[in-house]
């Protein structure tokens, strides 16, 4: 009986661990491009998760820029990601992501005008496979509620969330579609082992973007550590044939 209970506990732990893949992992890097349509100014930069810190007695992950300056303190619990800004007043957490949402669930964001409210509605939840792991993929669309007229869902505008990765707008931008004048674009996410993930590969918009160097990656996005064998690989975002 004890052995059976142990086996059941072990299997249950595997299932539980497979249910959620964390976003906040040390060494994970978000690669961005800033492009100002009006001025033509363009440059690339990185932001990453870098170690722990404690604020108000709570342990957070530090999200830092290229200079190591802290942009936000983040923590993850029960499928939700919270942001804490120690500079802001009042000192309180903000819910960035909720990966436990289902189709039809809504997130209220703000009052745009006196009688107009803005929020996001989950319009689709599916799964994608990346590096042999299944991850939840969410589609969210903004909605507007006008008192006396009801709700309008702007289904032509969409945001994408992927479990373990965050949003297609970047880690701190869960709802890109409602932002006006935003010139920042997420190129790809680099995991601690060198694997790269691009949202666009899963929505069919463009090919995988890699740092511009001579590194080779296989078709799953894994960086090669030794000379490649014959086959098709990715270099600088393009497929190359090694004979």
Protein backbone atom coordinates (compact mmCIF):
# COMPACT_ATOMS: atom_id res chain seq x y z
CA UNK A 1 0.00 0.00 0.00
CA UNK A 2 2.81 2.39 0.88
CA UNK A 3 4.50 1.73 -2.46
CA UNK A 4 1.22 2.30 -4.32
CA UNK A 5 0.67 5.58 -2.47
CA UNK A 6 4.20 6.67 -3.33
CA UNK A 7 3.69 5.87 -7.01
CA UNK A 8 0.40 7.76 -7.08
CA UNK A 9 2.02 10.74 -5.35
CA UNK A 10 4.92 10.66 -7.82
CA UNK A 11 2.59 10.55 -10.83
CA UNK A 12 0.44 13.33 -9.39
CA UNK A 13 3.53 15.49 -8.88
CA UNK A 14 4.52 14.98 -12.52
CA UNK A 15 1.06 16.04 -13.69
CA UNK A 16 1.06 19.09 -11.42
CA UNK A 17 4.52 20.14 -12.60
CA UNK A 18 3.44 19.75 -16.22
CA UNK A 19 0.42 21.99 -15.71
CA UNK A 20 2.31 25.26 -15.49
CA UNK A 21 5.58 26.54 -16.94
CA UNK A 22 6.97 29.66 -15.22
CA UNK A 23 7.67 32.97 -16.93
CA UNK A 24 10.18 34.25 -14.39
CA UNK A 25 13.42 32.31 -14.76
CA UNK A 26 16.92 33.66 -14.11
CA UNK A 27 18.88 34.21 -17.30
CA UNK A 28 15.84 34.59 -19.55
CA UNK A 29 16.32 37.59 -21.88
CA UNK A 30 13.75 39.63 -23.80
CA UNK A 31 15.14 41.17 -27.04
CA UNK A 32 13.42 44.33 -28.28
CA UNK A 33 13.56 46.79 -31.18
CA UNK A 34 12.69 50.45 -30.69
CA UNK A 35 11.47 52.11 -33.88
CA UNK A 36 10.00 55.60 -34.08
CA UNK A 37 7.96 55.90 -37.27
CA UNK A 38 8.09 59.70 -37.23
CA UNK A 39 11.84 60.21 -36.72
CA UNK A 40 13.19 56.97 -38.18
CA UNK A 41 15.20 56.33 -34.99
CA UNK A 42 15.84 52.61 -34.52
CA UNK A 43 17.89 50.50 -32.11
CA UNK A 44 17.87 47.14 -30.35
CA UNK A 45 18.19 46.44 -26.64
CA UNK A 46 17.75 43.67 -24.06
CA UNK A 47 16.00 43.22 -20.71
CA UNK A 48 16.28 40.17 -18.47
CA UNK A 49 15.45 38.41 -15.21
CA UNK A 50 18.39 38.78 -12.84
CA UNK A 51 18.25 37.30 -9.35
CA UNK A 52 16.05 37.82 -6.30
CA UNK A 53 15.37 40.67 -3.93
CA UNK A 54 13.01 41.29 -1.01
CA UNK A 55 10.50 44.14 -0.78
CA UNK A 56 7.92 44.54 1.96
CA UNK A 57 8.90 41.07 3.21
CA UNK A 58 8.08 39.43 -0.15
CA UNK A 59 10.61 37.78 -2.47
CA UNK A 60 10.64 39.09 -6.05
CA UNK A 61 12.61 38.53 -9.24
CA UNK A 62 14.44 41.58 -10.60
CA UNK A 63 13.69 42.56 -14.19
CA UNK A 64 16.62 44.72 -15.34
CA UNK A 65 17.81 46.63 -18.39
CA UNK A 66 21.19 46.34 -20.14
CA UNK A 67 22.83 48.52 -17.48
CA UNK A 68 21.51 46.34 -14.68
CA UNK A 69 19.04 48.96 -13.50
CA UNK A 70 15.84 47.49 -12.07
CA UNK A 71 12.77 48.13 -14.22
CA UNK A 72 10.31 46.16 -12.11
CA UNK A 73 10.08 43.59 -9.33
CA UNK A 74 8.10 40.50 -10.31
CA UNK A 75 6.77 37.40 -8.63
CA UNK A 76 4.79 34.39 -9.79
CA UNK A 77 2.18 32.41 -7.87
CA UNK A 78 -0.59 29.98 -8.86
CA UNK A 79 -0.32 30.77 -12.57
CA UNK A 80 -0.31 34.53 -12.04
CA UNK A 81 2.49 37.08 -12.51
CA UNK A 82 2.56 40.19 -10.33
CA UNK A 83 4.57 43.40 -10.71
CA UNK A 84 5.68 45.63 -7.84
CA UNK A 85 7.13 49.11 -8.28
CA UNK A 86 8.77 50.29 -5.03
CA UNK A 87 8.94 53.86 -6.36
CA UNK A 88 5.25 54.20 -7.18
CA UNK A 89 2.76 55.59 -4.68
CA UNK A 90 0.82 53.85 -3.28
CA UNK A 91 3.08 50.80 -2.94
CA UNK A 92 1.01 47.96 -4.31
CA UNK A 93 1.22 45.00 -6.66
CA UNK A 94 -0.22 44.95 -10.16
CA UNK A 95 -1.47 41.76 -11.79
CA UNK A 96 0.31 41.44 -15.15
CA UNK A 97 -0.78 37.96 -16.27
CA UNK A 98 -3.30 35.33 -15.26
CA UNK A 99 -2.63 32.05 -17.04
CA UNK A 100 -5.61 30.40 -15.33
CA UNK A 101 -8.13 32.34 -17.46
CA UNK A 102 -10.58 30.56 -19.75
CA UNK A 103 -12.48 31.57 -22.88
CA UNK A 104 -15.04 34.19 -21.97
CA UNK A 105 -13.18 35.46 -18.91
CA UNK A 106 -12.65 39.20 -18.77
CA UNK A 107 -10.10 41.56 -17.26
CA UNK A 108 -11.28 45.06 -16.37
CA UNK A 109 -8.56 47.64 -16.93
CA UNK A 110 -9.76 51.21 -16.53
CA UNK A 111 -12.36 53.89 -17.10
CA UNK A 112 -11.47 55.64 -20.37
CA UNK A 113 -14.07 58.37 -20.04
CA UNK A 114 -16.86 59.12 -17.59
CA UNK A 115 -19.18 56.45 -18.99
CA UNK A 116 -16.76 54.26 -20.96
CA UNK A 117 -14.95 51.28 -19.43
CA UNK A 118 -12.13 49.32 -21.03
CA UNK A 119 -11.14 45.69 -20.53
CA UNK A 120 -9.84 42.55 -22.22
CA UNK A 121 -11.75 39.39 -23.06
CA UNK A 122 -10.21 35.94 -23.60
CA UNK A 123 -11.45 34.84 -27.02
CA UNK A 124 -9.36 31.68 -27.48
CA UNK A 125 -7.23 29.31 -25.41
CA UNK A 126 -5.22 26.63 -27.17
CA UNK A 127 -1.80 25.00 -26.78
CA UNK A 128 1.46 25.10 -28.69
CA UNK A 129 4.45 22.78 -28.57
CA UNK A 130 7.90 24.28 -28.01
CA UNK A 131 10.99 22.27 -27.09
CA UNK A 132 8.82 19.23 -26.50
CA UNK A 133 6.63 21.00 -23.94
CA UNK A 134 3.00 21.98 -24.29
CA UNK A 135 2.25 25.57 -23.37
CA UNK A 136 -1.06 27.38 -23.11
CA UNK A 137 -1.58 30.02 -25.77
CA UNK A 138 -4.14 32.79 -25.18
CA UNK A 139 -5.82 35.22 -27.56
CA UNK A 140 -7.26 38.35 -25.93
CA UNK A 141 -9.32 41.12 -27.49
CA UNK A 142 -10.19 44.53 -26.01
CA UNK A 143 -13.77 45.37 -25.12
CA UNK A 144 -15.48 48.64 -24.39
CA UNK A 145 -18.50 49.02 -22.16
CA UNK A 146 -20.60 52.13 -22.59
CA UNK A 147 -23.23 52.68 -19.94
CA UNK A 148 -26.67 52.48 -21.53
CA UNK A 149 -25.38 50.93 -24.77
CA UNK A 150 -23.76 47.69 -23.66
CA UNK A 151 -20.47 46.03 -24.55
CA UNK A 152 -18.51 46.15 -27.79
CA UNK A 153 -15.71 43.62 -28.41
CA UNK A 154 -13.03 44.81 -30.84
CA UNK A 155 -12.24 41.34 -32.20
CA UNK A 156 -9.98 42.68 -34.97
CA UNK A 157 -7.44 43.74 -32.31
CA UNK A 158 -5.66 40.93 -30.50
CA UNK A 159 -2.95 40.24 -27.95
CA UNK A 160 -1.16 36.93 -27.58
CA UNK A 161 -0.01 35.35 -24.32
CA UNK A 162 2.05 32.17 -24.10
CA UNK A 163 2.60 30.32 -20.85
CA UNK A 164 6.19 30.65 -19.69
CA UNK A 165 6.86 33.53 -22.12
CA UNK A 166 4.46 36.38 -21.33
CA UNK A 167 2.99 38.61 -24.02
CA UNK A 168 3.75 39.33 -27.67
CA UNK A 169 4.11 42.96 -26.56
CA UNK A 170 6.92 42.22 -24.10
CA UNK A 171 7.12 41.09 -20.49
CA UNK A 172 5.83 44.33 -18.94
CA UNK A 173 3.26 44.98 -21.70
CA UNK A 174 0.54 42.32 -21.42
CA UNK A 175 -1.98 44.34 -23.48
CA UNK A 176 -0.16 45.89 -26.42
CA UNK A 177 -3.26 46.33 -28.61
CA UNK A 178 -4.70 49.08 -26.39
CA UNK A 179 -1.55 51.21 -26.38
CA UNK A 180 -1.27 54.16 -28.74
CA UNK A 181 2.03 55.51 -30.00
CA UNK A 182 4.04 52.49 -28.80
CA UNK A 183 7.31 52.16 -30.72
CA UNK A 184 8.72 49.09 -28.93
CA UNK A 185 8.51 45.63 -30.53
CA UNK A 186 9.45 42.28 -29.01
CA UNK A 187 11.79 40.41 -31.37
CA UNK A 188 12.29 37.17 -29.44
CA UNK A 189 12.91 35.66 -26.02
CA UNK A 190 16.19 33.92 -25.27
CA UNK A 191 16.11 31.18 -22.65
CA UNK A 192 19.01 30.50 -20.29
CA UNK A 193 20.19 27.54 -22.41
CA UNK A 194 20.36 29.67 -25.58
CA UNK A 195 17.06 28.48 -27.03
CA UNK A 196 15.07 31.28 -28.63
CA UNK A 197 11.31 31.75 -28.83
CA UNK A 198 9.44 34.10 -31.15
CA UNK A 199 5.70 34.68 -30.85
CA UNK A 200 5.58 35.35 -34.57
CA UNK A 201 6.55 31.76 -35.36
CA UNK A 202 3.28 30.66 -33.82
CA UNK A 203 1.02 33.28 -35.39
CA UNK A 204 2.58 33.04 -38.85
CA UNK A 205 3.76 36.63 -39.18
CA UNK A 206 7.50 36.35 -39.73
CA UNK A 207 10.44 34.02 -39.30
CA UNK A 208 12.53 33.44 -36.20
CA UNK A 209 14.84 36.33 -35.36
CA UNK A 210 18.34 35.52 -34.14
CA UNK A 211 21.25 37.69 -33.05
CA UNK A 212 23.27 38.74 -36.08
CA UNK A 213 26.32 36.52 -35.68
CA UNK A 214 27.58 33.22 -37.07
CA UNK A 215 25.73 31.03 -34.57
CA UNK A 216 23.69 28.18 -35.99
CA UNK A 217 20.39 26.96 -34.55
CA UNK A 218 18.39 23.84 -35.40
CA UNK A 219 14.78 24.11 -36.56
CA UNK A 220 13.59 23.88 -32.95
CA UNK A 221 15.57 26.98 -32.02
CA UNK A 222 18.37 25.20 -30.12
CA UNK A 223 21.83 26.67 -30.50
CA UNK A 224 24.47 24.26 -31.84
CA UNK A 225 27.52 23.87 -29.63
CA UNK A 226 29.58 21.91 -32.19
CA UNK A 227 30.02 21.56 -35.94
CA UNK A 228 26.71 20.75 -37.62
CA UNK A 229 25.95 17.61 -39.58
CA UNK A 230 24.16 17.68 -42.91
CA UNK A 231 20.76 19.34 -42.72
CA UNK A 232 18.83 22.59 -42.59
CA UNK A 233 19.66 25.14 -39.88
CA UNK A 234 18.91 28.75 -38.99
CA UNK A 235 21.49 31.55 -39.17
CA UNK A 236 20.63 35.23 -38.69
CA UNK A 237 16.93 34.42 -39.00
CA UNK A 238 17.34 32.57 -42.33
CA UNK A 239 17.34 28.88 -43.18
CA UNK A 240 20.67 27.56 -44.44
CA UNK A 241 21.54 24.18 -45.92
CA UNK A 242 24.65 22.41 -44.65
CA UNK A 243 25.86 19.76 -47.15
